[in-house]
Amino acid sequence: MSTGKVLLGVLAGIAVGATLGILFAPDKGSTTRKKISEKGDEYADELGEKFNTLVDSVKEKYATVKGQATGMAGRAKAKAEETIGSDGSI
């Protein structure tokens, strides 16, 4: 199972647990709705931060792989040109 799926599952579990805890707390409805709204905002912010971190990580990995592929292509081209020779014969 990937780390992203585990992280998403943990966050979802925390959100559900917190929501159920608030719903079953002996507060007035308006207080409960305010708490739910505040927790929702907190979770949305945390999820946004984690998503941005994931996107940055993917971008870094893409740039690394792209650089490696470009380098390999350049070396392959140079080797092919070396093999063919300057007169076009193999």
PDB file of N, CA and C in Angstrom:
ATOM      1  N   MET A   1       0.851  -1.166   0.000  1.00  0.00           N
ATOM      2  CA  MET A   1       0.000   0.000   0.000  1.00  0.00           C
ATOM      3  C   MET A   1       0.899   1.232   0.000  1.00  0.00           C
ATOM      4  N   SER A   2       0.572   2.225  -0.793  1.00  0.00           N
ATOM      5  CA  SER A   2       1.436   3.394  -0.914  1.00  0.00           C
ATOM      6  C   SER A   2       1.285   4.315   0.299  1.00  0.00           C
ATOM      7  N   THR A   3       2.296   5.112   0.523  1.00  0.00           N
ATOM      8  CA  THR A   3       2.300   6.037   1.649  1.00  0.00           C
ATOM      9  C   THR A   3       1.166   7.046   1.536  1.00  0.00           C
ATOM     10  N   GLY A   4       0.884   7.481   0.321  1.00  0.00           N
ATOM     11  CA  GLY A   4      -0.200   8.448   0.112  1.00  0.00           C
ATOM     12  C   GLY A   4      -1.545   7.898   0.527  1.00  0.00           C
ATOM     13  N   LYS A   5      -1.800   6.632   0.214  1.00  0.00           N
ATOM     14  CA  LYS A   5      -3.072   6.024   0.596  1.00  0.00           C
ATOM     15  C   LYS A   5      -3.179   5.857   2.102  1.00  0.00           C
ATOM     16  N   VAL A   6      -2.076   5.477   2.734  1.00  0.00           N
ATOM     17  CA  VAL A   6      -2.074   5.330   4.193  1.00  0.00           C
ATOM     18  C   VAL A   6      -2.325   6.679   4.846  1.00  0.00           C
ATOM     19  N   LEU A   7      -1.644   7.708   4.369  1.00  0.00           N
ATOM     20  CA  LEU A   7      -1.804   9.049   4.914  1.00  0.00           C
ATOM     21  C   LEU A   7      -3.238   9.531   4.747  1.00  0.00           C
ATOM     22  N   LEU A   8      -3.800   9.315   3.583  1.00  0.00           N
ATOM     23  CA  LEU A   8      -5.179   9.727   3.326  1.00  0.00           C
ATOM     24  C   LEU A   8      -6.136   8.976   4.243  1.00  0.00           C
ATOM     25  N   GLY A   9      -5.903   7.691   4.452  1.00  0.00           N
ATOM     26  CA  GLY A   9      -6.748   6.900   5.351  1.00  0.00           C
ATOM     27  C   GLY A   9      -6.675   7.389   6.783  1.00  0.00           C
ATOM     28  N   VAL A  10      -5.463   7.716   7.236  1.00  0.00           N
ATOM     29  CA  VAL A  10      -5.291   8.227   8.600  1.00  0.00           C
ATOM     30  C   VAL A  10      -6.006   9.563   8.760  1.00  0.00           C
ATOM     31  N   LEU A  11      -5.838  10.453   7.797  1.00  0.00           N
ATOM     32  CA  LEU A  11      -6.502  11.761   7.869  1.00  0.00           C
ATOM     33  C   LEU A  11      -8.022  11.610   7.860  1.00  0.00           C
ATOM     34  N   ALA A  12      -8.528  10.719   7.022  1.00  0.00           N
ATOM     35  CA  ALA A  12      -9.971  10.494   6.974  1.00  0.00           C
ATOM     36  C   ALA A  12     -10.467   9.935   8.302  1.00  0.00           C
ATOM     37  N   GLY A  13      -9.720   9.012   8.893  1.00  0.00           N
ATOM     38  CA  GLY A  13     -10.100   8.450  10.186  1.00  0.00           C
ATOM     39  C   GLY A  13     -10.127   9.490  11.283  1.00  0.00           C
ATOM     40  N   ILE A  14      -9.138  10.358  11.285  1.00  0.00           N
ATOM     41  CA  ILE A  14      -9.089  11.431  12.280  1.00  0.00           C
ATOM     42  C   ILE A  14     -10.281  12.364  12.101  1.00  0.00           C
ATOM     43  N   ALA A  15     -10.575  12.711  10.857  1.00  0.00           N
ATOM     44  CA  ALA A  15     -11.689  13.613  10.587  1.00  0.00           C
ATOM     45  C   ALA A  15     -13.012  13.005  11.039  1.00  0.00           C
ATOM     46  N   VAL A  16     -13.233  11.744  10.722  1.00  0.00           N
ATOM     47  CA  VAL A  16     -14.479  11.077  11.109  1.00  0.00           C
ATOM     48  C   VAL A  16     -14.574  10.982  12.633  1.00  0.00           C
ATOM     49  N   GLY A  17     -13.488  10.605  13.285  1.00  0.00           N
ATOM     50  CA  GLY A  17     -13.482  10.504  14.745  1.00  0.00           C
ATOM     51  C   GLY A  17     -13.763  11.832  15.417  1.00  0.00           C
ATOM     52  N   ALA A  18     -13.127  12.882  14.941  1.00  0.00           N
ATOM     53  CA  ALA A  18     -13.347  14.203  15.527  1.00  0.00           C
ATOM     54  C   ALA A  18     -14.785  14.661  15.307  1.00  0.00           C
ATOM     55  N   THR A  19     -15.303  14.431  14.128  1.00  0.00           N
ATOM     56  CA  THR A  19     -16.684  14.829  13.829  1.00  0.00           C
ATOM     57  C   THR A  19     -17.669  14.080  14.717  1.00  0.00           C
ATOM     58  N   LEU A  20     -17.492  12.777  14.854  1.00  0.00           N
ATOM     59  CA  LEU A  20     -18.392  11.999  15.720  1.00  0.00           C
ATOM     60  C   LEU A  20     -18.272  12.446  17.173  1.00  0.00           C
ATOM     61  N   GLY A  21     -17.064  12.738  17.617  1.00  0.00           N
ATOM     62  CA  GLY A  21     -16.878  13.218  18.983  1.00  0.00           C
ATOM     63  C   GLY A  21     -17.596  14.530  19.225  1.00  0.00           C
ATOM     64  N   ILE A  22     -17.551  15.403  18.271  1.00  0.00           N
ATOM     65  CA  ILE A  22     -18.223  16.699  18.400  1.00  0.00           C
ATOM     66  C   ILE A  22     -19.742  16.509  18.352  1.00  0.00           C
ATOM     67  N   LEU A  23     -20.214  15.653  17.456  1.00  0.00           N
ATOM     68  CA  LEU A  23     -21.659  15.444  17.318  1.00  0.00           C
ATOM     69  C   LEU A  23     -22.276  14.852  18.578  1.00  0.00           C
ATOM     70  N   PHE A  24     -21.542  14.004  19.277  1.00  0.00           N
ATOM     71  CA  PHE A  24     -22.077  13.373  20.471  1.00  0.00           C
ATOM     72  C   PHE A  24     -21.769  14.152  21.751  1.00  0.00           C
ATOM     73  N   ALA A  25     -21.096  15.280  21.642  1.00  0.00           N
ATOM     74  CA  ALA A  25     -20.810  16.117  22.797  1.00  0.00           C
ATOM     75  C   ALA A  25     -22.085  16.839  23.223  1.00  0.00           C
ATOM     76  N   PRO A  26     -22.260  17.087  24.522  1.00  0.00           N
ATOM     77  CA  PRO A  26     -23.499  17.726  25.011  1.00  0.00           C
ATOM     78  C   PRO A  26     -23.461  19.250  24.896  1.00  0.00           C
ATOM     79  N   ASP A  27     -23.344  19.756  23.701  1.00  0.00           N
ATOM     80  CA  ASP A  27     -23.347  21.202  23.459  1.00  0.00           C
ATOM     81  C   ASP A  27     -24.604  21.594  22.699  1.00  0.00           C
ATOM     82  N   LYS A  28     -24.864  22.901  22.670  1.00  0.00           N
ATOM     83  CA  LYS A  28     -25.969  23.416  21.866  1.00  0.00           C
ATOM     84  C   LYS A  28     -25.640  23.202  20.385  1.00  0.00           C
ATOM     85  N   GLY A  29     -26.664  23.155  19.551  1.00  0.00           N
ATOM     86  CA  GLY A  29     -26.486  22.935  18.120  1.00  0.00           C
ATOM     87  C   GLY A  29     -25.609  23.981  17.462  1.00  0.00           C
ATOM     88  N   SER A  30     -25.797  25.231  17.833  1.00  0.00           N
ATOM     89  CA  SER A  30     -24.998  26.299  17.209  1.00  0.00           C
ATOM     90  C   SER A  30     -23.520  26.158  17.587  1.00  0.00           C
ATOM     91  N   THR A  31     -23.259  25.766  18.812  1.00  0.00           N
ATOM     92  CA  THR A  31     -21.871  25.569  19.249  1.00  0.00           C
ATOM     93  C   THR A  31     -21.251  24.394  18.513  1.00  0.00           C
ATOM     94  N   THR A  32     -22.026  23.321  18.384  1.00  0.00           N
ATOM     95  CA  THR A  32     -21.536  22.130  17.683  1.00  0.00           C
ATOM     96  C   THR A  32     -21.245  22.440  16.221  1.00  0.00           C
ATOM     97  N   ARG A  33     -22.144  23.169  15.563  1.00  0.00           N
ATOM     98  CA  ARG A  33     -21.929  23.526  14.149  1.00  0.00           C
ATOM     99  C   ARG A  33     -20.681  24.398  13.997  1.00  0.00           C
ATOM    100  N   LYS A  34     -20.461  25.299  14.959  1.00  0.00           N
ATOM    101  CA  LYS A  34     -19.279  26.159  14.906  1.00  0.00           C
ATOM    102  C   LYS A  34     -18.008  25.317  15.052  1.00  0.00           C
ATOM    103  N   LYS A  35     -18.030  24.351  15.985  1.00  0.00           N
ATOM    104  CA  LYS A  35     -16.867  23.488  16.181  1.00  0.00           C
ATOM    105  C   LYS A  35     -16.586  22.654  14.932  1.00  0.00           C
ATOM    106  N   ILE A  36     -17.651  22.112  14.337  1.00  0.00           N
ATOM    107  CA  ILE A  36     -17.482  21.319  13.110  1.00  0.00           C
ATOM    108  C   ILE A  36     -16.883  22.166  11.998  1.00  0.00           C
ATOM    109  N   SER A  37     -17.377  23.383  11.865  1.00  0.00           N
ATOM    110  CA  SER A  37     -16.864  24.284  10.826  1.00  0.00           C
ATOM    111  C   SER A  37     -15.386  24.602  11.059  1.00  0.00           C
ATOM    112  N   GLU A  38     -15.025  24.879  12.313  1.00  0.00           N
ATOM    113  CA  GLU A  38     -13.633  25.192  12.614  1.00  0.00           C
ATOM    114  C   GLU A  38     -12.724  23.995  12.349  1.00  0.00           C
ATOM    115  N   LYS A  39     -13.153  22.797  12.782  1.00  0.00           N
ATOM    116  CA  LYS A  39     -12.353  21.592  12.542  1.00  0.00           C
ATOM    117  C   LYS A  39     -12.233  21.317  11.045  1.00  0.00           C
ATOM    118  N   GLY A  40     -13.324  21.515  10.323  1.00  0.00           N
ATOM    119  CA  GLY A  40     -13.282  21.313   8.876  1.00  0.00           C
ATOM    120  C   GLY A  40     -12.273  22.232   8.210  1.00  0.00           C
ATOM    121  N   ASP A  41     -12.256  23.482   8.658  1.00  0.00           N
ATOM    122  CA  ASP A  41     -11.281  24.438   8.112  1.00  0.00           C
ATOM    123  C   ASP A  41      -9.852  24.015   8.436  1.00  0.00           C
ATOM    124  N   GLU A  42      -9.642  23.538   9.680  1.00  0.00           N
ATOM    125  CA  GLU A  42      -8.303  23.081  10.065  1.00  0.00           C
ATOM    126  C   GLU A  42      -7.863  21.903   9.199  1.00  0.00           C
ATOM    127  N   TYR A  43      -8.758  20.932   9.024  1.00  0.00           N
ATOM    128  CA  TYR A  43      -8.416  19.750   8.227  1.00  0.00           C
ATOM    129  C   TYR A  43      -8.185  20.115   6.764  1.00  0.00           C
ATOM    130  N   ALA A  44      -8.972  21.043   6.262  1.00  0.00           N
ATOM    131  CA  ALA A  44      -8.793  21.476   4.872  1.00  0.00           C
ATOM    132  C   ALA A  44      -7.424  22.132   4.697  1.00  0.00           C
ATOM    133  N   ASP A  45      -7.030  22.950   5.661  1.00  0.00           N
ATOM    134  CA  ASP A  45      -5.715  23.599   5.591  1.00  0.00           C
ATOM    135  C   ASP A  45      -4.592  22.558   5.639  1.00  0.00           C
ATOM    136  N   GLU A  46      -4.716  21.594   6.564  1.00  0.00           N
ATOM    137  CA  GLU A  46      -3.693  20.554   6.676  1.00  0.00           C
ATOM    138  C   GLU A  46      -3.607  19.721   5.406  1.00  0.00           C
ATOM    139  N   LEU A  47      -4.767  19.368   4.876  1.00  0.00           N
ATOM    140  CA  LEU A  47      -4.795  18.572   3.648  1.00  0.00           C
ATOM    141  C   LEU A  47      -4.191  19.351   2.487  1.00  0.00           C
ATOM    142  N   GLY A  48      -4.483  20.647   2.420  1.00  0.00           N
ATOM    143  CA  GLY A  48      -3.905  21.492   1.373  1.00  0.00           C
ATOM    144  C   GLY A  48      -2.388  21.548   1.463  1.00  0.00           C
ATOM    145  N   GLU A  49      -1.878  21.662   2.685  1.00  0.00           N
ATOM    146  CA  GLU A  49      -0.430  21.693   2.875  1.00  0.00           C
ATOM    147  C   GLU A  49       0.203  20.368   2.453  1.00  0.00           C
ATOM    148  N   LYS A  50      -0.423  19.265   2.850  1.00  0.00           N
ATOM    149  CA  LYS A  50       0.115  17.950   2.491  1.00  0.00           C
ATOM    150  C   LYS A  50       0.052  17.736   0.981  1.00  0.00           C
ATOM    151  N   PHE A  51      -1.020  18.206   0.349  1.00  0.00           N
ATOM    152  CA  PHE A  51      -1.144  18.087  -1.101  1.00  0.00           C
ATOM    153  C   PHE A  51      -0.050  18.892  -1.793  1.00  0.00           C
ATOM    154  N   ASN A  52       0.195  20.107  -1.314  1.00  0.00           N
ATOM    155  CA  ASN A  52       1.247  20.934  -1.903  1.00  0.00           C
ATOM    156  C   ASN A  52       2.623  20.285  -1.742  1.00  0.00           C
ATOM    157  N   THR A  53       2.848  19.666  -0.592  1.00  0.00           N
ATOM    158  CA  THR A  53       4.108  18.956  -0.372  1.00  0.00           C
ATOM    159  C   THR A  53       4.240  17.801  -1.352  1.00  0.00           C
ATOM    160  N   LEU A  54       3.151  17.067  -1.551  1.00  0.00           N
ATOM    161  CA  LEU A  54       3.157  15.949  -2.499  1.00  0.00           C
ATOM    162  C   LEU A  54       3.432  16.446  -3.918  1.00  0.00           C
ATOM    163  N   VAL A  55       2.779  17.522  -4.310  1.00  0.00           N
ATOM    164  CA  VAL A  55       2.975  18.078  -5.657  1.00  0.00           C
ATOM    165  C   VAL A  55       4.429  18.518  -5.845  1.00  0.00           C
ATOM    166  N   ASP A  56       4.993  19.171  -4.829  1.00  0.00           N
ATOM    167  CA  ASP A  56       6.394  19.603  -4.914  1.00  0.00           C
ATOM    168  C   ASP A  56       7.325  18.398  -5.052  1.00  0.00           C
ATOM    169  N   SER A  57       7.032  17.341  -4.309  1.00  0.00           N
ATOM    170  CA  SER A  57       7.847  16.131  -4.387  1.00  0.00           C
ATOM    171  C   SER A  57       7.784  15.513  -5.779  1.00  0.00           C
ATOM    172  N   VAL A  58       6.579  15.456  -6.338  1.00  0.00           N
ATOM    173  CA  VAL A  58       6.418  14.893  -7.680  1.00  0.00           C
ATOM    174  C   VAL A  58       7.150  15.748  -8.708  1.00  0.00           C
ATOM    175  N   LYS A  59       7.067  17.057  -8.565  1.00  0.00           N
ATOM    176  CA  LYS A  59       7.769  17.953  -9.497  1.00  0.00           C
ATOM    177  C   LYS A  59       9.282  17.735  -9.439  1.00  0.00           C
ATOM    178  N   GLU A  60       9.802  17.585  -8.220  1.00  0.00           N
ATOM    179  CA  GLU A  60      11.239  17.358  -8.068  1.00  0.00           C
ATOM    180  C   GLU A  60      11.655  16.039  -8.715  1.00  0.00           C
ATOM    181  N   LYS A  61      10.885  14.998  -8.482  1.00  0.00           N
ATOM    182  CA  LYS A  61      11.202  13.694  -9.065  1.00  0.00           C
ATOM    183  C   LYS A  61      11.107  13.750 -10.590  1.00  0.00           C
ATOM    184  N   TYR A  62      10.101  14.451 -11.108  1.00  0.00           N
ATOM    185  CA  TYR A  62       9.950  14.597 -12.559  1.00  0.00           C
ATOM    186  C   TYR A  62      11.168  15.307 -13.144  1.00  0.00           C
ATOM    187  N   ALA A  63      11.594  16.389 -12.492  1.00  0.00           N
ATOM    188  CA  ALA A  63      12.748  17.137 -12.991  1.00  0.00           C
ATOM    189  C   ALA A  63      14.004  16.263 -12.974  1.00  0.00           C
ATOM    190  N   THR A  64      14.159  15.469 -11.928  1.00  0.00           N
ATOM    191  CA  THR A  64      15.322  14.580 -11.837  1.00  0.00           C
ATOM    192  C   THR A  64      15.309  13.553 -12.955  1.00  0.00           C
ATOM    193  N   VAL A  65      14.170  12.904 -13.145  1.00  0.00           N
ATOM    194  CA  VAL A  65      14.060  11.876 -14.188  1.00  0.00           C
ATOM    195  C   VAL A  65      14.232  12.491 -15.573  1.00  0.00           C
ATOM    196  N   LYS A  66      13.665  13.665 -15.777  1.00  0.00           N
ATOM    197  CA  LYS A  66      13.792  14.342 -17.070  1.00  0.00           C
ATOM    198  C   LYS A  66      15.259  14.668 -17.357  1.00  0.00           C
ATOM    199  N   GLY A  67      15.964  15.144 -16.342  1.00  0.00           N
ATOM    200  CA  GLY A  67      17.388  15.445 -16.510  1.00  0.00           C
ATOM    201  C   GLY A  67      18.195  14.204 -16.829  1.00  0.00           C
ATOM    202  N   GLN A  68      17.888  13.111 -16.138  1.00  0.00           N
ATOM    203  CA  GLN A  68      18.594  11.861 -16.397  1.00  0.00           C
ATOM    204  C   GLN A  68      18.301  11.356 -17.812  1.00  0.00           C
ATOM    205  N   ALA A  69      17.038  11.448 -18.233  1.00  0.00           N
ATOM    206  CA  ALA A  69      16.665  10.984 -19.573  1.00  0.00           C
ATOM    207  C   ALA A  69      17.342  11.838 -20.650  1.00  0.00           C
ATOM    208  N   THR A  70      17.394  13.134 -20.426  1.00  0.00           N
ATOM    209  CA  THR A  70      18.053  14.025 -21.386  1.00  0.00           C
ATOM    210  C   THR A  70      19.536  13.694 -21.489  1.00  0.00           C
ATOM    211  N   GLY A  71      20.157  13.445 -20.347  1.00  0.00           N
ATOM    212  CA  GLY A  71      21.577  13.074 -20.352  1.00  0.00           C
ATOM    213  C   GLY A  71      21.817  11.762 -21.077  1.00  0.00           C
ATOM    214  N   MET A  72      20.962  10.783 -20.832  1.00  0.00           N
ATOM    215  CA  MET A  72      21.100   9.484 -21.498  1.00  0.00           C
ATOM    216  C   MET A  72      20.902   9.628 -23.000  1.00  0.00           C
ATOM    217  N   ALA A  73      19.923  10.433 -23.401  1.00  0.00           N
ATOM    218  CA  ALA A  73      19.676  10.630 -24.827  1.00  0.00           C
ATOM    219  C   ALA A  73      20.880  11.298 -25.493  1.00  0.00           C
ATOM    220  N   GLY A  74      21.462  12.275 -24.815  1.00  0.00           N
ATOM    221  CA  GLY A  74      22.641  12.949 -25.362  1.00  0.00           C
ATOM    222  C   GLY A  74      23.820  12.004 -25.520  1.00  0.00           C
ATOM    223  N   ARG A  75      24.030  11.148 -24.511  1.00  0.00           N
ATOM    224  CA  ARG A  75      25.127  10.182 -24.591  1.00  0.00           C
ATOM    225  C   ARG A  75      24.867   9.159 -25.692  1.00  0.00           C
ATOM    226  N   ALA A  76      23.619   8.732 -25.838  1.00  0.00           N
ATOM    227  CA  ALA A  76      23.283   7.762 -26.890  1.00  0.00           C
ATOM    228  C   ALA A  76      23.491   8.374 -28.269  1.00  0.00           C
ATOM    229  N   LYS A  77      23.111   9.625 -28.420  1.00  0.00           N
ATOM    230  CA  LYS A  77      23.296  10.305 -29.702  1.00  0.00           C
ATOM    231  C   LYS A  77      24.786  10.431 -30.034  1.00  0.00           C
ATOM    232  N   ALA A  78      25.566  10.810 -29.029  1.00  0.00           N
ATOM    233  CA  ALA A  78      27.015  10.938 -29.250  1.00  0.00           C
ATOM    234  C   ALA A  78      27.632   9.600 -29.612  1.00  0.00           C
ATOM    235  N   LYS A  79      27.202   8.541 -28.945  1.00  0.00           N
ATOM    236  CA  LYS A  79      27.727   7.203 -29.229  1.00  0.00           C
ATOM    237  C   LYS A  79      27.329   6.763 -30.644  1.00  0.00           C
ATOM    238  N   ALA A  80      26.079   7.072 -31.036  1.00  0.00           N
ATOM    239  CA  ALA A  80      25.635   6.713 -32.381  1.00  0.00           C
ATOM    240  C   ALA A  80      26.434   7.468 -33.436  1.00  0.00           C
ATOM    241  N   GLU A  81      26.663   8.737 -33.205  1.00  0.00           N
ATOM    242  CA  GLU A  81      27.442   9.533 -34.153  1.00  0.00           C
ATOM    243  C   GLU A  81      28.887   9.023 -34.230  1.00  0.00           C
ATOM    244  N   GLU A  82      29.414   8.616 -33.082  1.00  0.00           N
ATOM    245  CA  GLU A  82      30.767   8.068 -33.040  1.00  0.00           C
ATOM    246  C   GLU A  82      30.841   6.753 -33.808  1.00  0.00           C
ATOM    247  N   THR A  83      29.810   5.936 -33.670  1.00  0.00           N
ATOM    248  CA  THR A  83      29.779   4.641 -34.337  1.00  0.00           C
ATOM    249  C   THR A  83      29.636   4.804 -35.853  1.00  0.00           C
ATOM    250  N   ILE A  84      28.761   5.691 -36.249  1.00  0.00           N
ATOM    251  CA  ILE A  84      28.534   5.927 -37.676  1.00  0.00           C
ATOM    252  C   ILE A  84      29.769   6.561 -38.317  1.00  0.00           C
ATOM    253  N   GLY A  85      30.380   7.451 -37.637  1.00  0.00           N
ATOM    254  CA  GLY A  85      31.575   8.100 -38.165  1.00  0.00           C
ATOM    255  C   GLY A  85      31.223   9.357 -38.933  1.00  0.00           C
ATOM    256  N   SER A  86      32.238  10.112 -39.264  1.00  0.00           N
ATOM    257  CA  SER A  86      31.997  11.400 -39.930  1.00  0.00           C
ATOM    258  C   SER A  86      31.637  11.219 -41.404  1.00  0.00           C
ATOM    259  N   ASP A  87      32.014  10.091 -42.038  1.00  0.00           N
ATOM    260  CA  ASP A  87      31.717   9.907 -43.460  1.00  0.00           C
ATOM    261  C   ASP A  87      30.381   9.200 -43.677  1.00  0.00           C
ATOM    262  N   GLY A  88      29.680   8.867 -42.602  1.00  0.00           N
ATOM    263  CA  GLY A  88      28.363   8.215 -42.753  1.00  0.00           C
ATOM    264  C   GLY A  88      28.430   6.724 -42.858  1.00  0.00           C
ATOM    265  N   SER A  89      29.607   6.132 -42.814  1.00  0.00           N
ATOM    266  CA  SER A  89      29.712   4.669 -42.885  1.00  0.00           C
ATOM    267  C   SER A  89      29.773   4.069 -41.482  1.00  0.00           C
ATOM    268  N   ILE A  90      29.332   2.829 -41.371  1.00  0.00           N
ATOM    269  CA  ILE A  90      29.300   2.175 -40.077  1.00  0.00           C
ATOM    270  C   ILE A  90      30.589   1.486 -39.784  1.00  0.00           C
TER     271      ILE A  90
END
